[in-house]
């Protein structure tokens, strides 16, 4: 569904509001497939008041849905310069794999091991195909990935984060995208007009 959304966006140039709506629909099968816990660990300072964990219930599903929408659009919102879409996806993927390996070595719980093995099963082929694509997409680019790859990469991260049961850790790998999202909020709500995602313009005189 994310690939279909990316293809449609490449063809008809969807508005941001439409992208968020379609991303929400695309996240439903992922949330239905989730069968893990809905509680979170409480920070040390608050354990005396709330206990060790708090069950968020439906709120946790809302969070995962929001994460899926964010991941799907986060790669795309940082697009526009040769290699940046594929490059950031490769770097995030490397950190996810490193996290999976660390957890596999340090946590011997069988369910946790299965979750991180599932993540690696998806991320390793994703990493190598992305690396091959980066060779052609880096400056000067011979292949332009468009929104199709951006949505596909973001959806892949959402799937491994949610079904791999480390959705909260996943946000740490998206800190640059989170900063860019906050900076882009005025544009998203039409407070300021900023065409083409702040892309630099080609200048023949200084080329």
N, C-alpha and C. Protein backbone atom coordinates (compact mmCIF):
# COMPACT_ATOMS: atom_id res chain seq x y z
N UNK A 1 0.83 -1.21 0.00
CA UNK A 1 0.00 0.00 0.00
C UNK A 1 0.86 1.26 0.00
N UNK A 2 2.01 1.19 0.69
CA UNK A 2 2.91 2.34 0.71
C UNK A 2 3.52 2.58 -0.66
N UNK A 3 3.88 1.51 -1.36
CA UNK A 3 4.42 1.64 -2.72
C UNK A 3 3.36 2.23 -3.65
N UNK A 4 2.12 1.77 -3.51
CA UNK A 4 1.02 2.31 -4.32
C UNK A 4 0.83 3.80 -4.04
N UNK A 5 0.90 4.19 -2.77
CA UNK A 5 0.79 5.60 -2.41
C UNK A 5 1.91 6.41 -3.04
N UNK A 6 3.13 5.88 -2.98
CA UNK A 6 4.27 6.58 -3.58
C UNK A 6 4.12 6.74 -5.08
N UNK A 7 3.64 5.69 -5.75
CA UNK A 7 3.44 5.76 -7.19
C UNK A 7 2.38 6.80 -7.56
N UNK A 8 1.28 6.79 -6.81
CA UNK A 8 0.21 7.77 -7.06
C UNK A 8 0.73 9.18 -6.84
N UNK A 9 1.53 9.37 -5.78
CA UNK A 9 2.08 10.70 -5.49
C UNK A 9 3.01 11.16 -6.61
N UNK A 10 3.79 10.22 -7.17
CA UNK A 10 4.68 10.58 -8.29
C UNK A 10 3.88 11.02 -9.52
N UNK A 11 2.71 10.40 -9.71
CA UNK A 11 1.92 10.66 -10.92
C UNK A 11 1.07 11.92 -10.78
N UNK A 12 0.38 12.06 -9.63
CA UNK A 12 -0.59 13.16 -9.51
C UNK A 12 -0.18 14.23 -8.51
N UNK A 13 0.96 14.04 -7.81
CA UNK A 13 1.47 15.05 -6.86
C UNK A 13 0.43 15.38 -5.78
N UNK A 14 0.21 14.42 -4.86
CA UNK A 14 -0.79 14.58 -3.80
C UNK A 14 -0.44 15.71 -2.85
N UNK A 15 -1.45 16.31 -2.27
CA UNK A 15 -1.24 17.31 -1.21
C UNK A 15 -0.87 16.57 0.08
N UNK A 16 -0.21 17.29 1.00
CA UNK A 16 0.24 16.66 2.24
C UNK A 16 -0.93 16.11 3.05
N UNK A 17 -2.04 16.82 3.05
CA UNK A 17 -3.21 16.35 3.81
C UNK A 17 -3.71 15.01 3.26
N UNK A 18 -3.66 14.85 1.92
CA UNK A 18 -4.10 13.60 1.31
C UNK A 18 -3.11 12.47 1.62
N UNK A 19 -1.82 12.81 1.65
CA UNK A 19 -0.80 11.80 1.95
C UNK A 19 -1.00 11.23 3.35
N UNK A 20 -1.29 12.10 4.30
CA UNK A 20 -1.50 11.65 5.68
C UNK A 20 -2.73 10.76 5.77
N UNK A 21 -3.80 11.13 5.06
CA UNK A 21 -5.03 10.33 5.08
C UNK A 21 -4.78 8.94 4.51
N UNK A 22 -4.10 8.87 3.35
CA UNK A 22 -3.84 7.58 2.72
C UNK A 22 -2.87 6.75 3.56
N UNK A 23 -1.88 7.41 4.19
CA UNK A 23 -0.95 6.71 5.07
C UNK A 23 -1.67 6.10 6.26
N UNK A 24 -2.69 6.79 6.75
CA UNK A 24 -3.48 6.27 7.87
C UNK A 24 -4.18 4.97 7.47
N UNK A 25 -4.78 4.97 6.29
CA UNK A 25 -5.45 3.76 5.80
C UNK A 25 -4.44 2.64 5.61
N UNK A 26 -3.25 2.97 5.09
CA UNK A 26 -2.22 1.95 4.83
C UNK A 26 -1.68 1.35 6.12
N UNK A 27 -1.80 2.06 7.24
CA UNK A 27 -1.26 1.55 8.51
C UNK A 27 -2.21 0.55 9.20
N UNK A 28 -3.47 0.48 8.76
CA UNK A 28 -4.45 -0.37 9.43
C UNK A 28 -4.05 -1.85 9.41
N UNK A 29 -3.64 -2.44 8.26
CA UNK A 29 -3.24 -3.86 8.28
C UNK A 29 -2.08 -4.13 9.23
N UNK A 30 -1.16 -3.17 9.34
CA UNK A 30 -0.01 -3.33 10.23
C UNK A 30 -0.46 -3.38 11.69
N UNK A 31 -1.39 -2.52 12.06
CA UNK A 31 -1.89 -2.49 13.44
C UNK A 31 -2.70 -3.74 13.76
N UNK A 32 -3.43 -4.24 12.77
CA UNK A 32 -4.21 -5.47 12.97
C UNK A 32 -3.27 -6.66 13.21
N UNK A 33 -2.12 -6.66 12.54
CA UNK A 33 -1.16 -7.76 12.67
C UNK A 33 -0.39 -7.72 13.98
N UNK A 34 -0.43 -6.57 14.68
CA UNK A 34 0.31 -6.45 15.94
C UNK A 34 -0.39 -7.21 17.05
N UNK A 35 0.37 -8.06 17.74
CA UNK A 35 -0.22 -8.84 18.84
C UNK A 35 0.65 -8.80 20.09
N UNK A 36 1.37 -7.71 20.25
CA UNK A 36 2.28 -7.59 21.39
C UNK A 36 1.66 -6.84 22.55
N UNK A 37 2.50 -6.44 23.48
CA UNK A 37 2.05 -5.74 24.68
C UNK A 37 1.71 -4.29 24.36
N UNK A 38 0.93 -3.68 25.23
CA UNK A 38 0.57 -2.28 25.06
C UNK A 38 1.00 -1.45 26.27
N UNK A 39 1.88 -2.00 27.10
CA UNK A 39 2.35 -1.25 28.26
C UNK A 39 3.77 -0.72 28.00
N UNK A 40 4.12 0.35 28.71
CA UNK A 40 5.43 0.97 28.57
C UNK A 40 6.09 1.07 29.95
N UNK A 41 7.43 1.09 29.94
CA UNK A 41 8.16 1.25 31.19
C UNK A 41 8.06 2.69 31.68
N UNK A 42 7.95 2.87 32.96
CA UNK A 42 7.82 4.19 33.56
C UNK A 42 9.22 4.71 33.93
N UNK A 43 9.52 5.98 33.66
CA UNK A 43 10.81 6.55 34.07
C UNK A 43 11.04 6.40 35.57
N UNK A 44 12.29 6.29 35.97
CA UNK A 44 12.64 6.03 37.37
C UNK A 44 12.01 7.04 38.32
N UNK A 45 11.98 8.31 37.94
CA UNK A 45 11.44 9.35 38.82
C UNK A 45 9.96 9.18 39.12
N UNK A 46 9.24 8.51 38.21
CA UNK A 46 7.79 8.38 38.36
C UNK A 46 7.34 7.00 38.83
N UNK A 47 8.29 6.09 39.05
CA UNK A 47 7.92 4.73 39.43
C UNK A 47 7.19 4.69 40.78
N UNK A 48 7.52 5.60 41.69
CA UNK A 48 6.85 5.64 42.98
C UNK A 48 5.38 5.98 42.88
N UNK A 49 5.00 6.71 41.80
CA UNK A 49 3.61 7.12 41.63
C UNK A 49 2.83 6.18 40.71
N UNK A 50 3.50 5.69 39.65
CA UNK A 50 2.79 4.94 38.62
C UNK A 50 3.15 3.46 38.58
N UNK A 51 4.18 3.07 39.32
CA UNK A 51 4.64 1.69 39.26
C UNK A 51 5.68 1.50 38.17
N UNK A 52 6.06 0.26 37.91
CA UNK A 52 7.11 -0.01 36.93
C UNK A 52 6.64 0.15 35.49
N UNK A 53 5.38 -0.20 35.23
CA UNK A 53 4.83 -0.12 33.87
C UNK A 53 3.43 0.50 33.90
N UNK A 54 3.03 1.04 32.75
CA UNK A 54 1.68 1.59 32.58
C UNK A 54 1.10 1.01 31.29
N UNK A 55 -0.10 0.44 31.38
CA UNK A 55 -0.76 -0.11 30.20
C UNK A 55 -1.53 1.01 29.50
N UNK A 56 -1.10 1.34 28.27
CA UNK A 56 -1.73 2.43 27.52
C UNK A 56 -2.94 1.97 26.72
N UNK A 57 -3.05 0.68 26.47
CA UNK A 57 -4.20 0.16 25.74
C UNK A 57 -4.36 0.77 24.37
N UNK A 58 -5.52 1.37 24.11
CA UNK A 58 -5.83 1.96 22.81
C UNK A 58 -4.85 3.07 22.45
N UNK A 59 -4.39 3.82 23.45
CA UNK A 59 -3.45 4.91 23.18
C UNK A 59 -2.17 4.40 22.54
N UNK A 60 -1.76 3.18 22.90
CA UNK A 60 -0.54 2.61 22.31
C UNK A 60 -0.75 2.31 20.83
N UNK A 61 -1.97 1.87 20.47
CA UNK A 61 -2.28 1.64 19.06
C UNK A 61 -2.30 2.95 18.29
N UNK A 62 -2.79 4.00 18.92
CA UNK A 62 -2.78 5.32 18.28
C UNK A 62 -1.34 5.78 18.06
N UNK A 63 -0.49 5.53 19.05
CA UNK A 63 0.93 5.87 18.90
C UNK A 63 1.56 5.10 17.75
N UNK A 64 1.29 3.79 17.66
CA UNK A 64 1.88 2.99 16.58
C UNK A 64 1.36 3.43 15.22
N UNK A 65 0.07 3.77 15.16
CA UNK A 65 -0.47 4.29 13.90
C UNK A 65 0.19 5.59 13.51
N UNK A 66 0.42 6.46 14.49
CA UNK A 66 1.10 7.73 14.22
C UNK A 66 2.54 7.49 13.79
N UNK A 67 3.20 6.51 14.40
CA UNK A 67 4.57 6.18 14.02
C UNK A 67 4.62 5.67 12.58
N UNK A 68 3.65 4.84 12.21
CA UNK A 68 3.60 4.33 10.84
C UNK A 68 3.42 5.46 9.83
N UNK A 69 2.53 6.40 10.15
CA UNK A 69 2.31 7.55 9.26
C UNK A 69 3.57 8.41 9.18
N UNK A 70 4.22 8.62 10.33
CA UNK A 70 5.42 9.45 10.37
C UNK A 70 6.55 8.81 9.56
N UNK A 71 6.80 7.53 9.79
CA UNK A 71 7.90 6.86 9.09
C UNK A 71 7.68 6.87 7.58
N UNK A 72 6.43 6.64 7.18
CA UNK A 72 6.12 6.60 5.75
C UNK A 72 6.40 7.93 5.08
N UNK A 73 6.15 9.03 5.79
CA UNK A 73 6.35 10.36 5.21
C UNK A 73 7.69 10.98 5.54
N UNK A 74 8.40 10.47 6.58
CA UNK A 74 9.63 11.12 7.04
C UNK A 74 10.74 11.05 6.01
N UNK A 75 10.89 9.91 5.34
CA UNK A 75 11.93 9.78 4.32
C UNK A 75 11.65 10.73 3.17
N UNK A 76 10.38 10.84 2.82
CA UNK A 76 9.99 11.70 1.69
C UNK A 76 10.18 13.18 1.98
N UNK A 77 9.95 13.59 3.23
CA UNK A 77 10.02 15.01 3.55
C UNK A 77 11.47 15.52 3.53
N UNK A 78 12.43 14.60 3.63
CA UNK A 78 13.85 14.95 3.57
C UNK A 78 14.42 14.73 2.18
N UNK A 79 13.57 14.63 1.16
CA UNK A 79 14.02 14.30 -0.19
C UNK A 79 14.39 15.56 -0.98
N UNK A 80 15.02 15.33 -2.13
CA UNK A 80 15.27 16.44 -3.06
C UNK A 80 16.70 16.61 -3.50
N UNK A 81 17.67 16.06 -2.77
CA UNK A 81 19.07 16.18 -3.14
C UNK A 81 19.57 14.78 -3.50
N UNK A 82 20.39 14.68 -4.54
CA UNK A 82 20.87 13.37 -5.00
C UNK A 82 21.39 12.53 -3.85
N UNK A 83 20.82 11.37 -3.68
CA UNK A 83 21.31 10.41 -2.71
C UNK A 83 20.77 10.54 -1.30
N UNK A 84 20.05 11.63 -0.98
CA UNK A 84 19.66 11.83 0.41
C UNK A 84 18.55 10.88 0.84
N UNK A 85 17.61 10.56 -0.06
CA UNK A 85 16.54 9.64 0.31
C UNK A 85 17.11 8.24 0.59
N UNK A 86 17.91 7.76 -0.37
CA UNK A 86 18.47 6.41 -0.23
C UNK A 86 19.55 6.39 0.84
N UNK A 87 20.35 7.46 0.93
CA UNK A 87 21.43 7.52 1.91
C UNK A 87 20.92 7.48 3.34
N UNK A 88 19.89 8.28 3.63
CA UNK A 88 19.36 8.27 5.00
C UNK A 88 18.70 6.94 5.32
N UNK A 89 18.08 6.32 4.32
CA UNK A 89 17.45 5.01 4.54
C UNK A 89 18.51 3.96 4.86
N UNK A 90 19.64 4.03 4.15
CA UNK A 90 20.72 3.07 4.41
C UNK A 90 21.29 3.25 5.81
N UNK A 91 21.50 4.50 6.22
CA UNK A 91 22.07 4.77 7.55
C UNK A 91 21.11 4.31 8.65
N UNK A 92 19.83 4.65 8.52
CA UNK A 92 18.85 4.21 9.51
C UNK A 92 18.79 2.69 9.57
N UNK A 93 18.83 2.05 8.40
CA UNK A 93 18.82 0.59 8.36
C UNK A 93 20.02 -0.02 9.06
N UNK A 94 21.20 0.60 8.91
CA UNK A 94 22.40 0.11 9.60
C UNK A 94 22.23 0.19 11.11
N UNK A 95 21.67 1.29 11.60
CA UNK A 95 21.45 1.43 13.04
C UNK A 95 20.42 0.42 13.55
N UNK A 96 19.40 0.16 12.76
CA UNK A 96 18.40 -0.83 13.16
C UNK A 96 19.04 -2.21 13.27
N UNK A 97 19.85 -2.58 12.28
CA UNK A 97 20.53 -3.87 12.31
C UNK A 97 21.47 -3.96 13.51
N UNK A 98 22.20 -2.89 13.78
CA UNK A 98 23.09 -2.87 14.94
C UNK A 98 22.30 -3.07 16.23
N UNK A 99 21.16 -2.40 16.34
CA UNK A 99 20.29 -2.56 17.51
C UNK A 99 19.81 -4.00 17.65
N UNK A 100 19.42 -4.60 16.52
CA UNK A 100 18.95 -5.99 16.55
C UNK A 100 20.05 -6.94 17.02
N UNK A 101 21.25 -6.75 16.52
CA UNK A 101 22.37 -7.62 16.89
C UNK A 101 22.70 -7.47 18.37
N UNK A 102 22.70 -6.23 18.87
CA UNK A 102 22.98 -5.99 20.29
C UNK A 102 21.94 -6.68 21.16
N UNK A 103 20.67 -6.56 20.78
CA UNK A 103 19.60 -7.19 21.55
C UNK A 103 19.68 -8.71 21.49
N UNK A 104 20.05 -9.25 20.35
CA UNK A 104 20.18 -10.70 20.22
C UNK A 104 21.29 -11.25 21.11
N UNK A 105 22.36 -10.46 21.24
CA UNK A 105 23.49 -10.91 22.06
C UNK A 105 23.25 -10.72 23.55
N UNK A 106 22.47 -9.69 23.91
CA UNK A 106 22.32 -9.35 25.33
C UNK A 106 21.04 -9.89 25.96
N UNK A 107 20.01 -10.10 25.15
CA UNK A 107 18.72 -10.55 25.68
C UNK A 107 18.43 -11.96 25.17
N UNK A 108 18.38 -12.92 26.07
CA UNK A 108 18.20 -14.32 25.69
C UNK A 108 16.74 -14.78 25.75
N UNK A 109 15.82 -13.84 25.99
CA UNK A 109 14.40 -14.19 26.01
C UNK A 109 13.97 -14.63 24.61
N UNK A 110 13.31 -15.78 24.51
CA UNK A 110 13.02 -16.37 23.21
C UNK A 110 12.16 -15.47 22.33
N UNK A 111 11.13 -14.86 22.92
CA UNK A 111 10.25 -13.99 22.12
C UNK A 111 10.99 -12.77 21.61
N UNK A 112 11.85 -12.19 22.47
CA UNK A 112 12.64 -11.03 22.06
C UNK A 112 13.59 -11.41 20.93
N UNK A 113 14.19 -12.58 21.04
CA UNK A 113 15.10 -13.05 19.99
C UNK A 113 14.36 -13.21 18.67
N UNK A 114 13.15 -13.77 18.71
CA UNK A 114 12.36 -13.95 17.48
C UNK A 114 11.99 -12.61 16.86
N UNK A 115 11.66 -11.63 17.70
CA UNK A 115 11.29 -10.31 17.19
C UNK A 115 12.45 -9.66 16.44
N UNK A 116 13.65 -9.75 17.01
CA UNK A 116 14.81 -9.10 16.37
C UNK A 116 15.32 -9.91 15.18
N UNK A 117 15.13 -11.22 15.21
CA UNK A 117 15.46 -12.02 14.03
C UNK A 117 14.52 -11.68 12.88
N UNK A 118 13.24 -11.46 13.21
CA UNK A 118 12.26 -11.03 12.20
C UNK A 118 12.70 -9.70 11.58
N UNK A 119 13.13 -8.77 12.42
CA UNK A 119 13.59 -7.47 11.93
C UNK A 119 14.79 -7.62 11.00
N UNK A 120 15.76 -8.44 11.40
CA UNK A 120 16.94 -8.65 10.57
C UNK A 120 16.60 -9.33 9.25
N UNK A 121 15.61 -10.22 9.29
CA UNK A 121 15.20 -10.91 8.07
C UNK A 121 14.72 -9.92 6.99
N UNK A 122 14.08 -8.85 7.43
CA UNK A 122 13.62 -7.82 6.49
C UNK A 122 14.70 -6.79 6.19
N UNK A 123 15.50 -6.43 7.20
CA UNK A 123 16.43 -5.32 7.05
C UNK A 123 17.68 -5.67 6.25
N UNK A 124 18.17 -6.89 6.36
CA UNK A 124 19.40 -7.24 5.65
C UNK A 124 19.22 -7.16 4.13
N UNK A 125 18.20 -7.80 3.54
CA UNK A 125 18.00 -7.62 2.09
C UNK A 125 17.68 -6.17 1.72
N UNK A 126 16.93 -5.49 2.60
CA UNK A 126 16.64 -4.07 2.34
C UNK A 126 17.93 -3.25 2.27
N UNK A 127 18.86 -3.52 3.19
CA UNK A 127 20.11 -2.77 3.24
C UNK A 127 20.93 -2.97 1.98
N UNK A 128 21.07 -4.21 1.53
CA UNK A 128 21.92 -4.48 0.37
C UNK A 128 21.32 -3.96 -0.93
N UNK A 129 20.00 -4.06 -1.07
CA UNK A 129 19.38 -3.49 -2.27
C UNK A 129 19.44 -1.96 -2.23
N UNK A 130 19.32 -1.38 -1.04
CA UNK A 130 19.43 0.08 -0.91
C UNK A 130 20.85 0.54 -1.21
N UNK A 131 21.85 -0.23 -0.78
CA UNK A 131 23.24 0.12 -1.07
C UNK A 131 23.51 0.09 -2.57
N UNK A 132 22.95 -0.91 -3.26
CA UNK A 132 23.11 -0.97 -4.73
C UNK A 132 22.43 0.23 -5.39
N UNK A 133 21.26 0.59 -4.88
CA UNK A 133 20.54 1.74 -5.42
C UNK A 133 21.29 3.04 -5.15
N UNK A 134 21.92 3.14 -3.97
CA UNK A 134 22.66 4.35 -3.61
C UNK A 134 23.80 4.63 -4.58
N UNK A 135 24.41 3.57 -5.11
CA UNK A 135 25.51 3.74 -6.07
C UNK A 135 25.05 4.51 -7.30
N UNK A 136 23.81 4.28 -7.73
CA UNK A 136 23.28 4.96 -8.91
C UNK A 136 22.57 6.27 -8.55
N UNK A 137 22.16 6.42 -7.29
CA UNK A 137 21.38 7.58 -6.89
C UNK A 137 22.23 8.70 -6.29
N UNK A 138 23.46 8.38 -5.90
CA UNK A 138 24.33 9.42 -5.34
C UNK A 138 24.76 10.39 -6.42
N UNK A 139 25.20 11.58 -6.01
CA UNK A 139 25.54 12.64 -6.97
C UNK A 139 26.73 12.26 -7.84
N UNK A 140 26.68 12.49 -9.15
CA UNK A 140 25.51 12.92 -9.94
C UNK A 140 24.59 11.73 -10.21
N UNK A 141 23.34 11.87 -9.85
CA UNK A 141 22.40 10.75 -9.88
C UNK A 141 22.06 10.32 -11.31
N UNK A 142 22.08 9.00 -11.51
CA UNK A 142 21.65 8.42 -12.77
C UNK A 142 20.26 7.79 -12.65
N UNK A 143 19.85 7.57 -11.41
CA UNK A 143 18.53 6.98 -11.14
C UNK A 143 17.83 7.84 -10.09
N UNK A 144 16.61 8.27 -10.38
CA UNK A 144 15.82 9.05 -9.44
C UNK A 144 14.74 8.15 -8.85
N UNK A 145 14.71 8.08 -7.51
CA UNK A 145 13.85 7.10 -6.85
C UNK A 145 12.40 7.56 -6.70
N UNK A 146 12.18 8.86 -6.69
CA UNK A 146 10.82 9.38 -6.56
C UNK A 146 10.21 9.06 -5.20
N UNK A 147 8.92 9.31 -5.09
CA UNK A 147 8.22 9.07 -3.83
C UNK A 147 7.98 7.59 -3.57
N UNK A 148 8.03 6.78 -4.62
CA UNK A 148 7.76 5.35 -4.47
C UNK A 148 8.75 4.71 -3.51
N UNK A 149 10.05 4.96 -3.70
CA UNK A 149 11.04 4.39 -2.78
C UNK A 149 10.91 5.00 -1.39
N UNK A 150 10.66 6.31 -1.31
CA UNK A 150 10.57 6.98 -0.01
C UNK A 150 9.50 6.35 0.87
N UNK A 151 8.32 6.12 0.30
CA UNK A 151 7.23 5.53 1.07
C UNK A 151 7.51 4.07 1.39
N UNK A 152 8.13 3.36 0.43
CA UNK A 152 8.46 1.96 0.66
C UNK A 152 9.47 1.83 1.80
N UNK A 153 10.50 2.67 1.81
CA UNK A 153 11.52 2.61 2.86
C UNK A 153 10.91 2.95 4.22
N UNK A 154 10.12 4.02 4.28
CA UNK A 154 9.50 4.41 5.54
C UNK A 154 8.57 3.34 6.07
N UNK A 155 7.79 2.71 5.18
CA UNK A 155 6.89 1.65 5.60
C UNK A 155 7.66 0.43 6.11
N UNK A 156 8.81 0.15 5.48
CA UNK A 156 9.65 -0.97 5.93
C UNK A 156 10.13 -0.74 7.36
N UNK A 157 10.56 0.49 7.65
CA UNK A 157 11.01 0.81 9.01
C UNK A 157 9.85 0.70 10.01
N UNK A 158 8.67 1.14 9.60
CA UNK A 158 7.51 1.05 10.49
C UNK A 158 7.16 -0.40 10.79
N UNK A 159 7.23 -1.26 9.77
CA UNK A 159 6.91 -2.68 9.96
C UNK A 159 7.89 -3.34 10.93
N UNK A 160 9.19 -3.14 10.73
CA UNK A 160 10.17 -3.81 11.60
C UNK A 160 10.12 -3.23 13.02
N UNK A 161 9.83 -1.92 13.13
CA UNK A 161 9.75 -1.31 14.45
C UNK A 161 8.55 -1.78 15.25
N UNK A 162 7.39 -1.86 14.58
CA UNK A 162 6.15 -2.23 15.28
C UNK A 162 6.06 -3.74 15.49
N UNK A 163 6.25 -4.52 14.43
CA UNK A 163 6.15 -5.98 14.56
C UNK A 163 7.39 -6.58 15.21
N UNK A 164 8.50 -5.83 15.22
CA UNK A 164 9.69 -6.27 15.93
C UNK A 164 9.70 -5.83 17.37
N UNK A 165 8.66 -5.08 17.78
CA UNK A 165 8.43 -4.68 19.17
C UNK A 165 9.54 -3.76 19.71
N UNK A 166 10.02 -2.83 18.87
CA UNK A 166 10.90 -1.79 19.39
C UNK A 166 10.52 -0.45 18.76
N UNK A 167 9.20 -0.19 18.76
CA UNK A 167 8.68 1.02 18.12
C UNK A 167 9.15 2.29 18.82
N UNK A 168 9.36 2.23 20.14
CA UNK A 168 9.82 3.43 20.85
C UNK A 168 11.28 3.71 20.52
N UNK A 169 12.09 2.65 20.43
CA UNK A 169 13.50 2.82 20.05
C UNK A 169 13.62 3.34 18.62
N UNK A 170 12.69 2.94 17.76
CA UNK A 170 12.74 3.35 16.37
C UNK A 170 12.78 4.87 16.22
N UNK A 171 12.08 5.58 17.10
CA UNK A 171 12.05 7.05 17.01
C UNK A 171 13.43 7.66 17.20
N UNK A 172 14.30 6.98 17.96
CA UNK A 172 15.66 7.50 18.17
C UNK A 172 16.45 7.54 16.86
N UNK A 173 16.13 6.63 15.94
CA UNK A 173 16.83 6.58 14.66
C UNK A 173 16.30 7.63 13.69
N UNK A 174 15.22 8.31 14.08
CA UNK A 174 14.59 9.31 13.21
C UNK A 174 14.72 10.72 13.78
N UNK A 175 15.73 10.96 14.62
CA UNK A 175 15.87 12.29 15.22
C UNK A 175 16.03 13.39 14.18
N UNK A 176 16.90 13.23 13.14
CA UNK A 176 16.97 14.30 12.12
C UNK A 176 15.64 14.53 11.42
N UNK A 177 14.90 13.45 11.16
CA UNK A 177 13.60 13.58 10.50
C UNK A 177 12.58 14.24 11.43
N UNK A 178 12.67 13.96 12.73
CA UNK A 178 11.78 14.61 13.70
C UNK A 178 12.03 16.12 13.73
N UNK A 179 13.31 16.51 13.71
CA UNK A 179 13.65 17.94 13.71
C UNK A 179 13.11 18.59 12.44
N UNK A 180 13.30 17.92 11.31
CA UNK A 180 12.81 18.46 10.05
C UNK A 180 11.29 18.55 10.03
N UNK A 181 10.63 17.57 10.65
CA UNK A 181 9.16 17.59 10.73
C UNK A 181 8.68 18.80 11.51
N UNK A 182 9.33 19.09 12.65
CA UNK A 182 8.94 20.24 13.46
C UNK A 182 9.14 21.54 12.67
N UNK A 183 10.27 21.62 11.96
CA UNK A 183 10.55 22.82 11.16
C UNK A 183 9.55 22.98 10.01
N UNK A 184 8.98 21.85 9.56
CA UNK A 184 8.07 21.89 8.41
C UNK A 184 6.61 22.08 8.81
N UNK A 185 6.30 22.07 10.11
CA UNK A 185 4.91 22.22 10.54
C UNK A 185 4.25 23.50 10.03
N UNK A 186 4.94 24.67 10.06
CA UNK A 186 4.29 25.88 9.53
C UNK A 186 3.91 25.73 8.06
N UNK A 187 4.74 25.01 7.27
CA UNK A 187 4.40 24.78 5.87
C UNK A 187 3.23 23.81 5.74
N UNK A 188 3.21 22.80 6.60
CA UNK A 188 2.16 21.78 6.54
C UNK A 188 0.78 22.38 6.79
N UNK A 189 0.72 23.37 7.70
CA UNK A 189 -0.56 24.00 8.04
C UNK A 189 -0.75 25.34 7.33
N UNK A 190 0.04 25.54 6.25
CA UNK A 190 -0.10 26.73 5.39
C UNK A 190 0.12 28.05 6.13
N UNK A 191 0.90 28.01 7.22
CA UNK A 191 1.25 29.26 7.90
C UNK A 191 2.25 30.05 7.06
N UNK A 192 3.18 29.33 6.44
CA UNK A 192 4.12 29.94 5.50
C UNK A 192 4.09 29.16 4.21
N UNK A 193 4.40 29.83 3.11
CA UNK A 193 4.47 29.15 1.81
C UNK A 193 5.93 28.87 1.50
N UNK A 194 6.24 27.59 1.34
CA UNK A 194 7.63 27.20 1.10
C UNK A 194 7.63 26.16 -0.02
N UNK A 195 7.73 26.57 -1.27
CA UNK A 195 7.58 25.64 -2.39
C UNK A 195 8.73 24.65 -2.50
N UNK A 196 8.40 23.45 -2.98
CA UNK A 196 9.38 22.42 -3.32
C UNK A 196 10.30 22.05 -2.17
N UNK A 197 9.80 22.08 -0.95
CA UNK A 197 10.55 21.57 0.21
C UNK A 197 11.90 22.27 0.39
N UNK A 198 11.95 23.57 0.15
CA UNK A 198 13.17 24.37 0.37
C UNK A 198 14.34 23.90 -0.49
N UNK A 199 14.06 23.39 -1.68
CA UNK A 199 15.13 22.92 -2.55
C UNK A 199 15.92 24.08 -3.13
N UNK A 200 17.24 23.94 -3.27
CA UNK A 200 18.02 24.97 -3.95
C UNK A 200 17.68 25.00 -5.44
N UNK A 201 17.80 26.17 -6.05
CA UNK A 201 17.49 26.31 -7.47
C UNK A 201 18.79 26.27 -8.28
N UNK A 202 18.66 25.78 -9.51
CA UNK A 202 19.81 25.68 -10.42
C UNK A 202 20.15 27.07 -10.96
N UNK A 203 21.41 27.44 -10.87
CA UNK A 203 21.90 28.73 -11.36
C UNK A 203 22.96 28.47 -12.42
N UNK A 204 22.64 28.80 -13.67
CA UNK A 204 23.56 28.55 -14.78
C UNK A 204 24.86 29.33 -14.64
N UNK A 205 24.79 30.54 -14.05
CA UNK A 205 25.97 31.39 -13.96
C UNK A 205 26.99 30.86 -12.98
N UNK A 206 26.55 30.17 -11.95
CA UNK A 206 27.49 29.67 -10.93
C UNK A 206 27.72 28.17 -11.06
N UNK A 207 27.21 27.55 -12.12
CA UNK A 207 27.37 26.10 -12.27
C UNK A 207 28.83 25.78 -12.62
